[in-house]
Protein backbone atom coordinates (compact mmCIF):
# COMPACT_ATOMS: atom_id res chain seq x y z
CA MET A 1 4.13 -23.16 3.99
CA ASN A 2 1.75 -24.01 1.58
CA ALA A 3 1.44 -21.44 -1.55
CA ILE A 4 -1.63 -19.62 -2.64
CA PRO A 5 -3.16 -21.50 -5.53
CA ASN A 6 -3.58 -19.74 -8.78
CA ALA A 7 -6.89 -19.83 -10.46
CA ASP A 8 -8.96 -17.93 -12.57
CA GLN A 9 -12.19 -17.99 -10.48
CA PHE A 10 -12.11 -18.52 -6.89
CA THR A 11 -15.12 -20.15 -4.53
CA ASP A 12 -15.53 -19.39 -0.81
CA GLU A 13 -13.71 -22.37 -0.05
CA ASP A 14 -10.67 -21.41 -1.85
CA GLU A 15 -10.88 -17.79 -0.35
CA ALA A 16 -11.19 -19.69 3.16
CA MET A 17 -8.14 -21.59 2.20
CA MET A 18 -5.99 -18.77 1.19
CA LEU A 19 -6.79 -16.42 4.54
CA ASP A 20 -5.97 -19.85 6.47
CA VAL A 21 -2.69 -20.08 5.09
CA ILE A 22 -1.89 -16.44 5.61
CA ASP A 23 -3.33 -16.56 9.39
CA ARG A 24 -1.08 -19.76 10.02
CA TRP A 25 1.84 -17.76 8.44
CA CYS A 26 1.38 -14.52 10.54
CA ARG A 27 0.80 -16.62 13.49
CA GLU A 28 3.53 -19.16 13.60
CA LYS A 29 6.38 -16.99 11.77
CA VAL A 30 5.77 -13.52 11.63
CA ARG A 31 4.39 -12.63 15.16
CA ASP A 32 7.36 -13.85 17.10
CA ARG A 33 10.00 -11.74 15.32
CA VAL A 34 8.08 -8.52 14.57
CA MET A 35 9.06 -6.70 17.52
CA GLU A 36 12.94 -7.49 17.20
CA MET A 37 12.86 -6.78 13.34
CA GLU A 38 11.01 -3.54 13.72
CA HIS A 39 13.23 -1.83 16.28
CA ALA A 40 16.13 -2.94 14.69
CA ASP A 41 14.99 -1.49 11.43
CA GLU A 42 15.57 -4.65 9.61
CA TYR A 43 14.58 -5.52 6.08
CA PRO A 44 12.47 -8.88 5.92
CA HIS A 45 13.96 -10.92 3.39
CA GLU A 46 12.70 -14.01 4.53
CA PHE A 47 9.09 -12.52 4.49
CA VAL A 48 9.55 -11.50 1.24
CA GLU A 49 10.32 -14.70 -0.35
CA ASP A 50 7.39 -16.30 1.41
CA MET A 51 5.03 -13.63 -0.10
CA LYS A 52 6.42 -14.41 -3.44
CA GLU A 53 5.37 -18.28 -2.94
CA PHE A 54 2.21 -16.98 -2.06
CA GLY A 55 1.73 -15.25 -5.04
CA LEU A 56 0.97 -11.88 -3.14
CA PHE A 57 3.11 -9.62 -5.72
CA GLY A 58 0.43 -10.82 -8.51
CA ALA A 59 -2.53 -10.88 -6.21
CA THR A 60 -4.53 -8.53 -8.33
CA ILE A 61 -3.25 -9.07 -11.59
CA SER A 62 -5.02 -11.38 -14.19
CA PRO A 63 -3.81 -15.05 -14.30
CA GLU A 64 -3.03 -14.75 -17.90
CA TYR A 65 0.01 -12.88 -17.09
CA GLY A 66 0.60 -14.96 -13.94
CA GLY A 67 -1.04 -13.49 -11.27
CA LEU A 68 -3.84 -14.78 -9.02
CA GLY A 69 -6.77 -12.59 -10.00
CA LEU A 70 -7.92 -11.76 -6.45
CA SER A 71 -11.13 -9.65 -6.14
CA ALA A 72 -10.63 -6.44 -3.96
CA THR A 73 -12.64 -7.95 -1.50
CA THR A 74 -10.58 -11.06 -1.09
CA TYR A 75 -7.37 -8.95 -1.28
CA ALA A 76 -8.73 -6.52 1.35
CA LYS A 77 -9.20 -9.58 3.65
CA ILE A 78 -5.70 -10.58 3.24
CA VAL A 79 -4.20 -7.02 4.07
CA MET A 80 -6.31 -6.95 7.10
CA ARG A 81 -4.84 -10.05 8.38
CA ILE A 82 -1.22 -9.43 7.35
CA ALA A 83 -1.38 -5.67 8.75
CA GLN A 84 -2.91 -7.10 11.92
CA GLU A 85 0.54 -8.64 12.42
CA TRP A 86 2.90 -6.22 10.98
CA MET A 87 1.52 -3.47 8.60
CA SER A 88 5.03 -2.74 6.87
CA LEU A 89 4.55 -5.82 4.84
CA THR A 90 1.48 -4.93 3.37
CA GLY A 91 3.16 -1.78 2.06
CA ILE A 92 5.86 -3.97 0.39
CA PHE A 93 3.34 -5.99 -2.02
CA ASN A 94 0.56 -3.18 -2.29
CA SER A 95 3.13 -0.36 -3.53
CA HIS A 96 4.35 -3.15 -6.22
CA LEU A 97 0.90 -3.92 -7.05
CA MET A 98 -0.07 -0.39 -7.92
CA MET A 99 3.05 -0.24 -10.19
CA ALA A 100 1.70 -3.49 -11.81
CA THR A 101 -1.92 -2.35 -12.08
CA VAL A 102 -0.77 0.83 -13.74
CA VAL A 103 0.74 -1.41 -16.61
CA GLU A 104 -1.94 -4.05 -16.51
CA LYS A 105 -4.92 -1.36 -17.17
CA TYR A 106 -2.87 1.19 -19.37
CA GLY A 107 0.01 -0.51 -20.86
CA THR A 108 0.55 -1.66 -24.35
CA ASP A 109 0.03 -5.66 -25.04
CA PHE A 110 3.89 -5.59 -25.72
CA GLN A 111 4.47 -4.15 -22.07
CA LYS A 112 1.43 -6.36 -20.46
CA ASN A 113 3.46 -9.60 -21.72
CA TYR A 114 7.08 -8.31 -21.30
CA TRP A 115 6.55 -6.69 -17.61
CA LEU A 116 3.67 -7.88 -15.86
CA PRO A 117 4.86 -11.97 -15.44
CA LYS A 118 8.21 -10.31 -14.05
CA PHE A 119 6.17 -8.34 -11.63
CA CYS A 120 3.75 -11.37 -10.50
CA SER A 121 6.39 -13.53 -9.86
CA GLY A 122 8.56 -10.85 -7.55
CA GLU A 123 11.27 -11.01 -9.65
CA ILE A 124 10.93 -7.59 -10.56
CA ARG A 125 9.49 -5.69 -7.44
CA GLY A 126 8.89 -1.89 -7.25
CA GLY A 127 6.51 0.80 -6.40
CA LEU A 128 5.19 4.15 -7.82
CA GLY A 129 7.72 7.05 -8.63
CA LEU A 130 5.33 10.20 -7.87
CA THR A 131 6.26 12.24 -5.10
CA GLU A 132 9.00 14.83 -5.24
CA PRO A 133 10.42 17.24 -2.36
CA ASN A 134 7.79 19.92 -3.88
CA ALA A 135 5.17 17.78 -4.90
CA GLY A 136 3.22 15.53 -2.79
CA THR A 137 -0.93 16.21 -3.08
CA ASP A 138 -0.41 18.27 -6.08
CA LEU A 139 1.17 15.74 -8.68
CA GLN A 140 0.93 18.44 -11.43
CA ALA A 141 4.11 20.23 -9.49
CA ILE A 142 6.65 17.74 -10.25
CA LYS A 143 9.50 18.62 -12.01
CA THR A 144 11.25 15.52 -13.08
CA VAL A 145 11.70 15.71 -16.99
CA ALA A 146 12.03 13.07 -20.09
CA ARG A 147 12.91 14.52 -23.15
CA LYS A 148 12.55 12.63 -26.40
CA ASP A 149 15.70 11.72 -28.20
CA GLY A 150 15.16 9.57 -31.18
CA ASP A 151 13.67 6.12 -29.95
CA SER A 152 14.47 6.86 -26.16
CA TYR A 153 13.49 9.03 -23.05
CA VAL A 154 16.17 11.01 -21.51
CA VAL A 155 15.10 11.51 -17.84
CA ASN A 156 16.25 14.32 -15.60
CA GLY A 157 15.08 14.88 -11.84
CA SER A 158 14.41 13.22 -8.46
CA LYS A 159 11.73 11.64 -6.47
CA THR A 160 11.44 11.26 -2.45
CA TRP A 161 9.77 8.99 -0.27
CA ILE A 162 9.68 6.10 -2.51
CA SER A 163 8.51 2.92 -1.06
CA ASN A 164 10.40 -0.19 -2.08
CA GLY A 165 12.86 2.39 -3.99
CA LEU A 166 15.73 0.77 -2.11
CA MET A 167 15.27 -2.76 -2.13
CA GLY A 168 12.75 -3.01 -5.26
CA GLY A 169 13.97 -3.08 -8.93
CA ALA A 170 11.70 -0.65 -10.76
CA VAL A 171 9.16 2.07 -10.13
CA ALA A 172 6.38 3.60 -12.17
CA LEU A 173 7.77 6.98 -12.63
CA MET A 174 5.76 10.18 -13.27
CA VAL A 175 7.57 12.53 -15.65
CA LYS A 176 7.00 15.63 -17.53
CA THR A 177 7.39 14.74 -21.14
CA ASP A 178 5.70 18.37 -22.08
CA PRO A 179 6.97 20.78 -19.10
CA ASP A 180 5.23 23.56 -21.03
CA SER A 181 1.59 22.13 -21.30
CA ASP A 182 -1.21 24.11 -20.22
CA PRO A 183 -2.84 22.57 -18.28
CA ARG A 184 0.12 20.86 -16.58
CA TYR A 185 -1.47 17.47 -16.25
CA LYS A 186 -1.65 17.03 -20.21
CA GLY A 187 2.21 17.08 -20.17
CA MET A 188 2.56 14.43 -18.07
CA SER A 189 3.67 10.59 -18.78
CA MET A 190 4.28 7.28 -16.74
CA LEU A 191 7.40 5.24 -17.67
CA ILE A 192 8.59 1.69 -16.28
CA ALA A 193 11.95 2.72 -14.97
CA PRO A 194 14.25 -0.30 -13.75
CA LYS A 195 17.39 -0.04 -12.25
CA VAL A 196 18.56 -2.86 -14.14
CA ASP A 197 17.98 -4.14 -18.11
CA PRO A 198 16.06 -7.19 -17.58
CA ASP A 199 17.47 -8.70 -20.55
CA THR A 200 20.92 -8.10 -20.09
CA GLY A 201 21.45 -7.91 -16.41
CA ALA A 202 23.43 -4.46 -17.06
CA SER A 203 22.78 -1.46 -14.72
CA TYR A 204 21.36 1.48 -16.51
CA ASP A 205 23.56 4.64 -16.02
CA GLY A 206 22.26 7.56 -14.47
CA TYR A 207 19.72 5.60 -12.06
CA THR A 208 21.03 6.12 -8.34
CA THR A 209 19.24 5.70 -5.08
CA GLY A 210 19.61 7.87 -1.76
CA SER A 211 20.15 5.92 1.79
CA LYS A 212 17.30 4.52 3.58
CA MET A 213 15.21 7.23 5.29
CA GLN A 214 14.76 7.14 8.88
CA LYS A 215 11.24 7.20 9.84
CA LEU A 216 8.95 6.93 13.21
CA ALA A 217 7.36 3.68 11.90
CA TYR A 218 6.39 1.67 8.78
CA LYS A 219 10.17 0.47 8.93
CA GLY A 220 9.74 -3.02 7.47
CA ILE A 221 9.63 -1.19 4.20
CA ASP A 222 12.61 0.77 2.70
CA SER A 223 11.80 4.50 1.63
CA CYS A 224 14.35 6.45 -0.06
CA GLU A 225 15.20 9.10 -2.73
CA LEU A 226 15.77 8.28 -6.28
CA PHE A 227 17.96 10.45 -8.42
CA PHE A 228 17.88 10.44 -12.30
CA ASP A 229 20.76 12.32 -14.20
CA ASN A 230 20.63 11.56 -17.88
CA TYR A 231 18.86 8.33 -17.50
CA ARG A 232 18.05 7.02 -20.87
CA LEU A 233 15.08 4.38 -21.47
CA ASP A 234 13.51 2.79 -24.51
CA ALA A 235 10.42 4.50 -25.52
CA LYS A 236 8.64 1.26 -26.83
CA ARG A 237 9.05 -0.77 -23.90
CA HIS A 238 9.27 2.11 -21.16
CA LEU A 239 6.35 4.63 -22.05
CA ILE A 240 3.06 3.18 -20.58
CA GLY A 241 0.46 2.82 -23.08
CA GLY A 242 2.78 4.21 -25.76
CA ILE A 243 1.31 7.77 -25.74
CA GLU A 244 2.31 10.78 -23.95
CA GLY A 245 0.20 12.94 -22.00
CA LYS A 246 -1.37 10.03 -20.17
CA GLY A 247 0.55 9.94 -16.81
CA PHE A 248 -1.97 11.83 -14.54
CA TYR A 249 -4.66 9.89 -15.36
CA MET A 250 -2.74 6.71 -14.62
CA ALA A 251 -1.64 7.58 -11.48
CA VAL A 252 -5.32 8.85 -10.19
CA GLY A 253 -7.00 5.57 -11.88
CA GLY A 254 -5.46 3.43 -9.06
CA LEU A 255 -6.52 5.44 -6.00
CA GLU A 256 -9.59 3.82 -5.42
CA LEU A 257 -8.16 0.34 -5.11
CA GLY A 258 -5.29 2.14 -3.18
CA ARG A 259 -7.68 3.63 -0.52
CA ILE A 260 -9.41 0.62 0.00
CA ASN A 261 -5.95 -1.16 0.81
CA ILE A 262 -5.15 1.61 3.22
CA SER A 263 -8.58 1.55 5.11
CA ALA A 264 -8.02 -2.34 5.13
CA ARG A 265 -4.63 -1.89 6.60
CA ALA A 266 -6.22 0.72 9.00
CA VAL A 267 -8.86 -2.01 10.03
CA GLY A 268 -5.54 -4.62 10.66
CA LEU A 269 -4.18 -2.16 13.21
CA SER A 270 -7.61 -1.67 14.85
CA ARG A 271 -8.22 -5.32 15.25
CA ARG A 272 -4.70 -5.84 16.98
CA ALA A 273 -5.09 -2.93 19.21
CA LEU A 274 -8.37 -4.49 20.42
CA GLU A 275 -7.00 -7.73 20.61
CA GLU A 276 -3.97 -6.68 22.72
CA SER A 277 -6.17 -4.59 24.80
CA THR A 278 -8.95 -7.19 25.41
CA ARG A 279 -6.05 -9.63 26.38
CA TYR A 280 -4.45 -7.06 28.66
CA ALA A 281 -7.42 -5.78 30.67
CA GLN A 282 -8.21 -9.41 31.65
CA GLU A 283 -4.47 -9.94 32.54
CA ARG A 284 -4.08 -6.66 34.64
CA GLU A 285 -5.62 -6.34 38.15
CA THR A 286 -6.37 -3.16 40.22
CA PHE A 287 -8.02 -2.84 43.27
CA GLY A 288 -8.42 -6.61 43.82
CA LYS A 289 -9.89 -7.25 40.13
CA PRO A 290 -9.13 -7.41 36.74
CA ILE A 291 -9.16 -3.85 34.80
CA ALA A 292 -11.61 -5.64 32.46
CA ASP A 293 -14.07 -5.60 35.44
CA HIS A 294 -13.81 -2.01 35.61
CA GLN A 295 -16.68 0.11 33.78
CA ALA A 296 -14.57 2.68 32.62
CA ILE A 297 -12.28 -0.04 30.70
CA GLN A 298 -15.56 -1.75 29.53
CA LEU A 299 -16.31 1.52 28.05
CA LYS A 300 -13.49 1.57 25.92
CA LEU A 301 -13.20 -1.89 24.86
CA GLY A 302 -16.97 -1.53 23.67
CA GLU A 303 -16.11 1.53 21.86
CA MET A 304 -12.77 0.25 20.30
CA ALA A 305 -15.08 -3.17 18.92
CA THR A 306 -17.74 -0.87 17.59
CA LYS A 307 -15.31 1.07 15.65
CA THR A 308 -13.09 -1.79 14.24
CA LYS A 309 -16.43 -3.53 13.21
CA ALA A 310 -17.68 -0.53 11.29
CA SER A 311 -14.35 0.26 9.83
CA GLU A 312 -14.11 -3.29 8.41
CA LEU A 313 -17.49 -3.06 6.88
CA MET A 314 -16.97 0.15 5.28
CA CYS A 315 -13.92 -1.11 3.50
CA LEU A 316 -15.60 -4.45 2.33
CA HIS A 317 -18.51 -2.00 1.08
CA ALA A 318 -16.17 -0.09 -1.07
CA ALA A 319 -14.07 -3.25 -2.31
CA GLU A 320 -17.74 -5.01 -3.08
CA ALA A 321 -18.37 -1.87 -5.35
CA TYR A 322 -14.97 -1.81 -7.27
CA ASP A 323 -15.43 -5.72 -7.73
CA ARG A 324 -19.13 -4.70 -9.29
CA GLY A 325 -17.34 -2.40 -11.75
CA GLU A 326 -18.94 0.72 -10.05
CA ARG A 327 -17.64 4.16 -9.51
CA CYS A 328 -16.50 4.16 -6.04
CA ASP A 329 -14.36 7.11 -5.23
CA MET A 330 -16.67 8.22 -2.75
CA GLU A 331 -17.31 5.03 -0.96
CA ALA A 332 -13.04 4.24 -1.03
CA GLY A 333 -12.77 7.67 -0.05
CA MET A 334 -15.01 7.26 3.34
CA ALA A 335 -13.77 3.82 3.98
CA LYS A 336 -10.08 4.93 4.10
CA TYR A 337 -11.00 8.37 5.80
CA TYR A 338 -13.13 6.47 8.67
CA ALA A 339 -11.07 3.51 9.11
CA SER A 340 -7.89 5.56 9.20
CA GLU A 341 -9.28 8.20 11.83
CA MET A 342 -10.42 4.95 13.92
CA ALA A 343 -7.25 3.52 13.80
CA VAL A 344 -5.74 6.24 15.35
CA GLU A 345 -8.19 6.64 17.87
CA ASN A 346 -8.21 2.94 19.06
CA THR A 347 -4.49 2.53 19.09
CA LEU A 348 -4.58 5.68 21.43
CA GLU A 349 -7.06 3.98 23.31
CA ALA A 350 -4.85 1.00 23.60
CA MET A 351 -1.98 2.74 25.05
CA ARG A 352 -4.36 4.33 27.75
CA ILE A 353 -5.38 0.86 28.46
CA HIS A 354 -2.08 -0.49 28.90
CA GLY A 355 -1.01 2.16 30.84
CA GLY A 356 2.74 2.77 31.68
CA TYR A 357 3.20 -0.41 29.83
CA SER A 358 2.09 0.98 26.36
CA TYR A 359 5.67 3.05 26.53
CA SER A 360 7.64 -0.27 26.69
CA LYS A 361 9.04 -1.77 23.36
CA GLU A 362 8.23 -5.13 24.58
CA TYR A 363 4.20 -4.55 23.95
CA PRO A 364 3.00 -4.31 20.25
CA VAL A 365 0.94 -1.51 21.33
CA GLU A 366 3.47 0.90 20.89
CA ARG A 367 4.29 0.14 17.25
CA LEU A 368 0.50 0.15 16.30
CA PHE A 369 0.16 3.79 18.08
CA ARG A 370 3.25 4.95 15.67
CA GLU A 371 1.93 2.95 12.67
CA ALA A 372 -1.63 4.32 12.56
CA PRO A 373 -1.07 8.13 11.79
CA LEU A 374 0.37 7.14 8.34
CA MET A 375 -2.85 5.59 7.54
CA CYS A 376 -4.39 9.33 7.47
CA ILE A 377 -1.78 10.73 5.52
CA GLY A 378 -1.26 8.06 2.52
CA GLU A 379 -3.02 7.86 -0.74
CA GLY A 380 -4.16 11.49 0.05
CA THR A 381 -4.72 13.08 3.29
CA ASN A 382 -7.74 12.47 4.83
CA GLU A 383 -8.40 16.54 4.49
CA MET A 384 -8.51 15.43 0.69
CA GLN A 385 -10.68 12.72 1.22
CA ARG A 386 -13.30 14.99 2.73
CA ILE A 387 -13.11 17.37 0.18
CA ILE A 388 -13.79 14.35 -2.43
CA ILE A 389 -16.42 12.78 -0.47
CA ALA A 390 -18.34 16.19 0.01
CA LYS A 391 -18.01 16.67 -3.98
CA GLN A 392 -19.58 13.19 -4.59
CA GLN A 393 -22.38 13.90 -2.27
CA ILE A 394 -23.41 17.00 -3.95
CA ALA A 395 -22.80 15.45 -7.45
CA ARG A 396 -24.80 12.74 -6.78
CA ASN A 397 -27.52 14.68 -4.91
CA LYS A 398 -28.18 17.44 -7.76
CA ILE A 399 -31.37 19.52 -7.07
């Protein structure tokens, strides 16, 4: 399988070539194995190695550090294609890229030069260590504390639902460096928290992982709890940005791209639901003709096709605004909200079109149906998206 080329500037031809590489990989290698691996709850080690070769663990990171430097628009198109085959795979590199992006945007020069090449190559993979048992949307409620001890931090606390937590090697860890701060967000900082010292290969004391969480779907990526018990890190190498109190801004600073990614995943799910439904409707016959000839099925397919295309256009619109450097929290929120809701609707319609066979594990639609609801929850619930959209609508149209 050919690797995606590394370049400072990509032409339309380069993008077309990359998407062709991804399409062939998905079609020739991934599609035939997804069902077995999904139902066996098997981690896709081989596919991870392929994604390393493609450069996807540095997809949006600058070539200066070994990344591909892809635009958000090109990245979203790649995510759409892979999610169309197995949405779990997109989470493996996207969660990782959110960690890497925090370092690229906010890290010191030393941290960028030290960590980013390791992240881009996939030598160290990871994600964001934000969520705690009693702190999800309300990040300011976290209780994990990092106390300064000379030139080091000593961390105590726990995290939960951490993507790449078990198979990955590090997380961008949200901690309280000033638990008594008022307002609370000013006391939050972000650390790069590895399991193993990259220089020595020695495991850090005090960092342990829980067992793999059992989930309804999204099974190709591991999620687990992380526990920190007097876990000690050097401040210069691990405190992102070198200044305490900036962690909350670092966490929310990547949400625009994260929400564009979620909308792209949702588009992939809708595309596959439409693809499977269109094929099945032409194969399945009732009353002497394919069900595609029945008007009731045509109404479903027509609505699914329209919602899928609208979701795609909203996702790309937000990505293009991001690439222009514009503020796009409203656009990204709209894309995430709409595309995820449409993925839920489209996968349900696919179930209805497939009838009783939709409950069979031999058909992809049952997996798509299980995967879609996560898109409404991840990167901020859709209830929060609507509030963000409304506030921006008012702010941009003051009277």
